[in-house]
Protein backbone atom coordinates (compact mmCIF):
# COMPACT_ATOMS: atom_id res chain seq x y z
CA MET A 1 15.48 150.49 79.33
CA PRO A 2 18.60 152.38 78.14
CA GLN A 3 18.32 153.49 75.01
CA LEU A 4 19.33 151.24 72.67
CA ARG A 5 22.04 152.10 69.71
CA PRO A 6 22.55 151.00 66.37
CA SER A 7 25.31 147.35 66.77
CA PHE A 8 24.24 147.42 69.92
CA LEU A 9 24.34 143.09 69.99
CA ALA A 10 27.60 143.92 68.81
CA PRO A 11 30.48 142.35 70.35
CA CYS A 12 30.17 139.01 70.20
CA LEU A 13 27.63 138.10 67.32
CA GLY A 14 28.75 134.23 67.85
CA LEU A 15 26.37 134.02 63.95
CA GLY A 16 29.45 133.34 61.60
CA ALA A 17 30.78 136.53 62.46
CA LEU A 18 34.13 135.64 63.79
CA VAL A 19 37.12 134.01 61.84
CA ALA A 20 39.97 132.41 63.58
CA ALA A 21 43.35 131.11 63.19
CA VAL A 22 43.07 127.69 64.85
CA HIS A 23 45.75 125.94 65.89
CA PRO A 24 47.13 122.08 64.32
CA ALA A 25 46.00 119.54 67.06
CA ALA A 26 42.17 121.85 67.37
CA ALA A 27 41.94 121.34 63.74
CA ALA A 28 41.04 117.57 63.76
CA GLN A 29 37.52 118.23 63.84
CA PRO A 30 34.45 115.13 63.36
CA ASP A 31 32.47 116.82 61.45
CA PRO A 32 29.97 118.16 62.19
CA LEU A 33 27.46 116.36 60.82
CA ALA A 34 28.40 113.03 62.50
CA LEU A 35 28.54 115.60 65.65
CA TYR A 36 25.59 117.08 64.90
CA GLY A 37 23.42 115.65 62.25
CA PRO A 38 21.74 117.91 59.51
CA ARG A 39 20.75 121.40 62.28
CA ILE A 40 21.35 122.46 65.06
CA VAL A 41 18.89 125.67 66.80
CA TYR A 42 18.98 127.92 69.91
CA ASP A 43 17.08 129.94 71.19
CA VAL A 44 18.67 133.88 71.25
CA GLU A 45 17.71 135.39 74.97
CA ARG A 46 17.77 139.10 75.68
CA ASN A 47 18.64 139.07 79.87
CA GLY A 48 15.93 135.52 79.99
CA ALA A 49 14.17 136.57 77.45
CA VAL A 50 13.03 135.24 74.04
CA ILE A 51 14.15 137.93 71.22
CA GLY A 52 15.03 135.55 68.18
CA ARG A 53 16.92 132.06 66.91
CA HIS A 54 19.43 130.37 65.29
CA GLU A 55 20.20 127.76 63.28
CA VAL A 56 22.87 126.37 61.08
CA THR A 57 22.46 123.23 58.37
CA PHE A 58 24.81 121.67 56.98
CA THR A 59 24.89 118.91 54.16
CA ALA A 60 27.15 117.19 51.55
CA ALA A 61 27.98 118.92 48.47
CA GLY A 62 30.10 117.97 45.22
CA PRO A 63 31.75 114.52 44.08
CA ALA A 64 35.01 116.24 46.61
CA GLY A 65 32.67 115.20 49.54
CA ASP A 66 32.17 119.15 50.74
CA VAL A 67 30.35 120.12 53.28
CA VAL A 68 28.25 123.55 53.51
CA ALA A 69 27.31 125.14 56.87
CA GLU A 70 24.77 127.79 56.42
CA ALA A 71 24.09 129.87 59.36
CA ALA A 72 20.46 131.99 60.02
CA SER A 73 19.78 134.83 62.89
CA THR A 74 16.55 137.32 63.25
CA MET A 75 16.65 138.73 66.91
CA THR A 76 13.84 141.42 67.39
CA VAL A 77 13.78 143.85 70.37
CA THR A 78 10.38 145.54 71.57
CA LEU A 79 8.91 147.66 74.07
CA LEU A 80 4.93 147.40 74.98
CA GLY A 81 4.98 145.71 72.11
CA LEU A 82 6.70 147.90 69.14
CA PRO A 83 9.68 146.81 67.84
CA LEU A 84 13.01 148.84 68.94
CA TYR A 85 15.51 146.70 67.04
CA ARG A 86 15.72 143.99 63.98
CA PHE A 87 18.96 142.39 63.55
CA THR A 88 19.42 139.28 60.28
CA TYR A 89 22.74 136.93 59.46
CA ARG A 90 23.20 134.64 56.92
CA SER A 91 26.09 132.55 55.93
CA ARG A 92 27.21 130.43 54.17
CA ASP A 93 30.41 128.27 54.12
CA VAL A 94 32.00 125.77 52.19
CA TRP A 95 34.63 123.54 53.72
CA ARG A 96 36.63 120.65 51.54
CA ASP A 97 38.90 118.34 53.36
CA GLY A 98 38.30 120.62 56.59
CA VAL A 99 39.83 123.96 54.87
CA LEU A 100 37.16 126.94 54.57
CA ALA A 101 37.20 127.21 51.00
CA GLN A 102 34.61 129.62 50.67
CA LEU A 103 32.88 132.50 53.05
CA ASP A 104 29.59 134.91 52.29
CA ALA A 105 27.47 136.70 55.51
CA VAL A 106 25.74 139.16 54.37
CA THR A 107 24.34 141.80 57.95
CA ASP A 108 21.47 143.34 57.99
CA ASP A 109 21.99 145.76 61.33
CA ASP A 110 18.57 147.47 62.39
CA GLY A 111 18.92 148.25 58.15
CA SER A 112 22.38 148.88 58.39
CA ARG A 113 23.82 145.86 55.86
CA SER A 114 26.67 144.76 55.75
CA THR A 115 28.14 142.47 53.62
CA VAL A 116 31.89 140.26 54.07
CA THR A 117 32.75 137.11 51.54
CA ALA A 118 35.94 134.86 51.64
CA ARG A 119 37.93 132.91 48.84
CA ARG A 120 40.16 130.94 49.05
CA ASP A 121 43.83 131.05 47.48
CA GLY A 122 46.63 128.83 47.31
CA ASP A 123 47.66 128.67 51.39
CA GLY A 124 45.33 132.03 51.63
CA LEU A 125 42.03 133.24 51.94
CA VAL A 126 41.76 136.18 50.28
CA ILE A 127 38.84 138.57 52.67
CA ASP A 128 36.50 141.53 51.13
CA GLY A 129 35.07 143.83 53.49
CA SER A 130 33.31 147.07 54.79
CA LEU A 131 37.23 147.63 55.64
CA GLY A 132 38.20 146.75 52.16
CA ARG A 133 40.57 143.93 51.17
CA LEU A 134 42.23 141.16 53.41
CA THR A 135 44.82 138.47 52.62
CA ALA A 136 44.74 135.64 55.96
CA THR A 137 47.47 132.84 55.56
CA GLY A 138 47.37 129.20 57.08
CA PRO A 139 44.69 127.63 58.82
CA LEU A 140 41.94 130.03 58.76
CA PHE A 141 37.50 128.73 59.33
CA PRO A 142 34.40 130.92 60.69
CA THR A 143 33.06 130.50 63.04
CA ASN A 144 28.93 130.13 63.96
CA HIS A 145 31.07 128.05 67.39
CA TRP A 146 29.29 124.98 65.88
CA ASN A 147 33.04 124.04 64.97
CA ALA A 148 35.42 123.61 68.46
CA ALA A 149 38.81 123.80 66.42
CA VAL A 150 38.18 127.60 67.88
CA ARG A 151 39.61 127.03 71.19
CA GLY A 152 42.89 128.13 71.36
CA SER A 153 42.67 130.54 69.39
CA ASP A 154 44.58 134.67 69.86
CA GLN A 155 43.08 136.36 66.58
CA VAL A 156 40.15 136.18 64.94
CA LEU A 157 38.44 138.00 61.57
CA ASN A 158 34.89 139.46 62.74
CA THR A 159 32.54 138.54 58.60
CA ILE A 160 30.71 141.42 59.74
CA THR A 161 33.59 144.30 59.99
CA GLY A 162 35.92 142.81 57.88
CA GLY A 163 38.12 143.92 60.99
CA LEU A 164 40.82 141.68 62.77
CA ASN A 165 40.70 141.45 65.98
CA ALA A 166 42.62 140.25 69.18
CA VAL A 167 41.63 137.84 71.51
CA THR A 168 42.70 135.09 73.84
CA MET A 169 40.29 132.19 74.32
CA THR A 170 41.33 130.02 76.94
CA ALA A 171 39.71 126.99 79.31
CA ALA A 172 37.85 128.25 82.28
CA GLY A 173 36.79 125.48 83.90
CA ARG A 174 33.52 122.45 84.01
CA GLU A 175 30.04 123.68 84.63
CA THR A 176 26.60 122.47 84.45
CA VAL A 177 25.31 124.34 81.04
CA ALA A 178 20.77 123.86 80.27
CA THR A 179 19.49 122.99 77.32
CA ARG A 180 16.06 122.41 76.18
CA GLN A 181 17.62 119.50 76.02
CA GLY A 182 18.57 119.30 79.95
CA PRO A 183 21.67 119.67 81.85
CA VAL A 184 24.56 118.90 79.88
CA GLU A 185 28.08 118.57 81.37
CA ALA A 186 30.29 121.28 79.20
CA THR A 187 34.05 122.98 79.44
CA LEU A 188 33.71 126.95 79.13
CA TRP A 189 35.59 129.25 76.79
CA THR A 190 36.46 132.39 77.48
CA TYR A 191 37.00 135.01 75.08
CA ARG A 192 38.43 138.43 76.64
CA GLY A 193 40.48 141.67 74.34
CA ASP A 194 38.51 142.84 71.34
CA LEU A 195 35.60 140.69 71.46
CA THR A 196 33.91 138.74 74.78
CA ALA A 197 32.11 135.48 75.02
CA ASP A 198 31.62 132.87 77.50
CA VAL A 199 31.26 129.84 75.27
CA TRP A 200 30.24 126.23 76.37
CA TYR A 201 31.69 122.40 74.47
CA ASP A 202 30.61 119.63 75.97
CA ASP A 203 33.09 116.71 75.79
CA ALA A 204 32.75 115.23 72.63
CA GLY A 205 32.59 119.31 71.01
CA ARG A 206 29.77 119.99 70.86
CA TRP A 207 28.87 123.50 71.25
CA VAL A 208 26.34 124.15 74.19
CA GLY A 209 25.87 127.86 74.60
CA LEU A 210 26.97 131.19 73.90
CA ARG A 211 27.00 133.75 75.99
CA PHE A 212 28.14 138.27 75.89
CA PRO A 213 27.24 141.24 77.07
CA ALA A 214 25.55 144.10 74.80
CA ARG A 215 26.20 147.25 74.57
CA ASP A 216 23.51 148.06 75.88
CA GLY A 217 24.27 146.59 79.23
CA SER A 218 22.32 144.00 78.36
CA THR A 219 23.44 140.76 78.26
CA ILE A 220 23.32 137.36 75.33
CA THR A 221 23.13 133.54 75.88
CA TYR A 222 22.11 131.39 73.12
CA VAL A 223 20.57 128.29 74.65
CA CYS A 224 20.61 125.43 72.98
CA ARG A 225 17.53 123.83 71.17
CA GLN A 226 18.74 121.33 69.63
CA CYS A 227 23.24 120.80 69.40
CA GLY A 228 22.82 116.99 68.38
CA LEU A 229 23.19 115.64 72.35
CA ASP A 230 20.62 113.58 71.23
CA ARG A 231 23.57 111.63 69.07
CA PRO A 232 26.17 109.63 70.46
CA ALA A 233 29.48 111.00 71.87
CA ALA A 234 32.41 110.46 71.50
CA ALA A 235 35.79 112.19 73.07
CA SER A 236 37.06 115.28 70.76
CA PRO A 237 40.73 116.43 70.34
CA GLN A 238 42.03 118.79 73.15
CA PRO A 239 43.54 121.87 72.15
CA GLN A 240 47.28 123.11 72.32
CA PRO A 241 47.46 126.14 74.34
CA ALA A 242 48.53 129.19 72.62
CA GLY A 243 51.60 129.69 71.47
CA GLU A 244 52.58 125.78 70.92
CA GLY A 245 52.96 124.44 67.97
CA GLY A 246 50.18 126.56 66.22
CA ALA A 247 48.75 129.38 63.53
CA SER A 248 49.36 133.46 65.22
């Protein structure tokens, strides 16, 4: 087995580690509580072997009808029963009127700890991370990949480092995705550029799968265990192609 390096899972964690510019047409997403219910759960596999778990819980809060999304991931890679690598991630996002109002993320990457915070200030989002402070304007949102409004984005902010990543995100056809709830028809969307990942959404806009390469050459896959597939489906709005009326 190749030697594991720190941050070997980092190329595209899919853990709420991104904030993306979104096109207006894609922003009109259903309430995640209506889409998924109160919780979604995924097994995290490395080359087909389960190494961890990823969960996101959704709650309604406050008189303004805020929605709070809390993500948690834990992964452990072992060899002959001995742990070689551990990774944990926690984030909390507060949404108000469909717009991100607040984000707090904490990562422990095999002993290396990082934090990123974001707070809305007028039309901008002030973000603090290991690379310093930046202000992003326009409609921005974090993605635990549950929010299909990320489709078609061309820039993301990695909330583990606080750095901006340029990406091309495109629809790559229909596929049948294996889940613990049975096979589901979905559209594959690919991230290419500073991040590389394949993400699947069903026709209702539910996140049903994720795959990305780790730095040690292995493949990390998120397999839906509970992701709202037993709830009534409603077609989700389709995003505009990048560059047509969207934020840059």
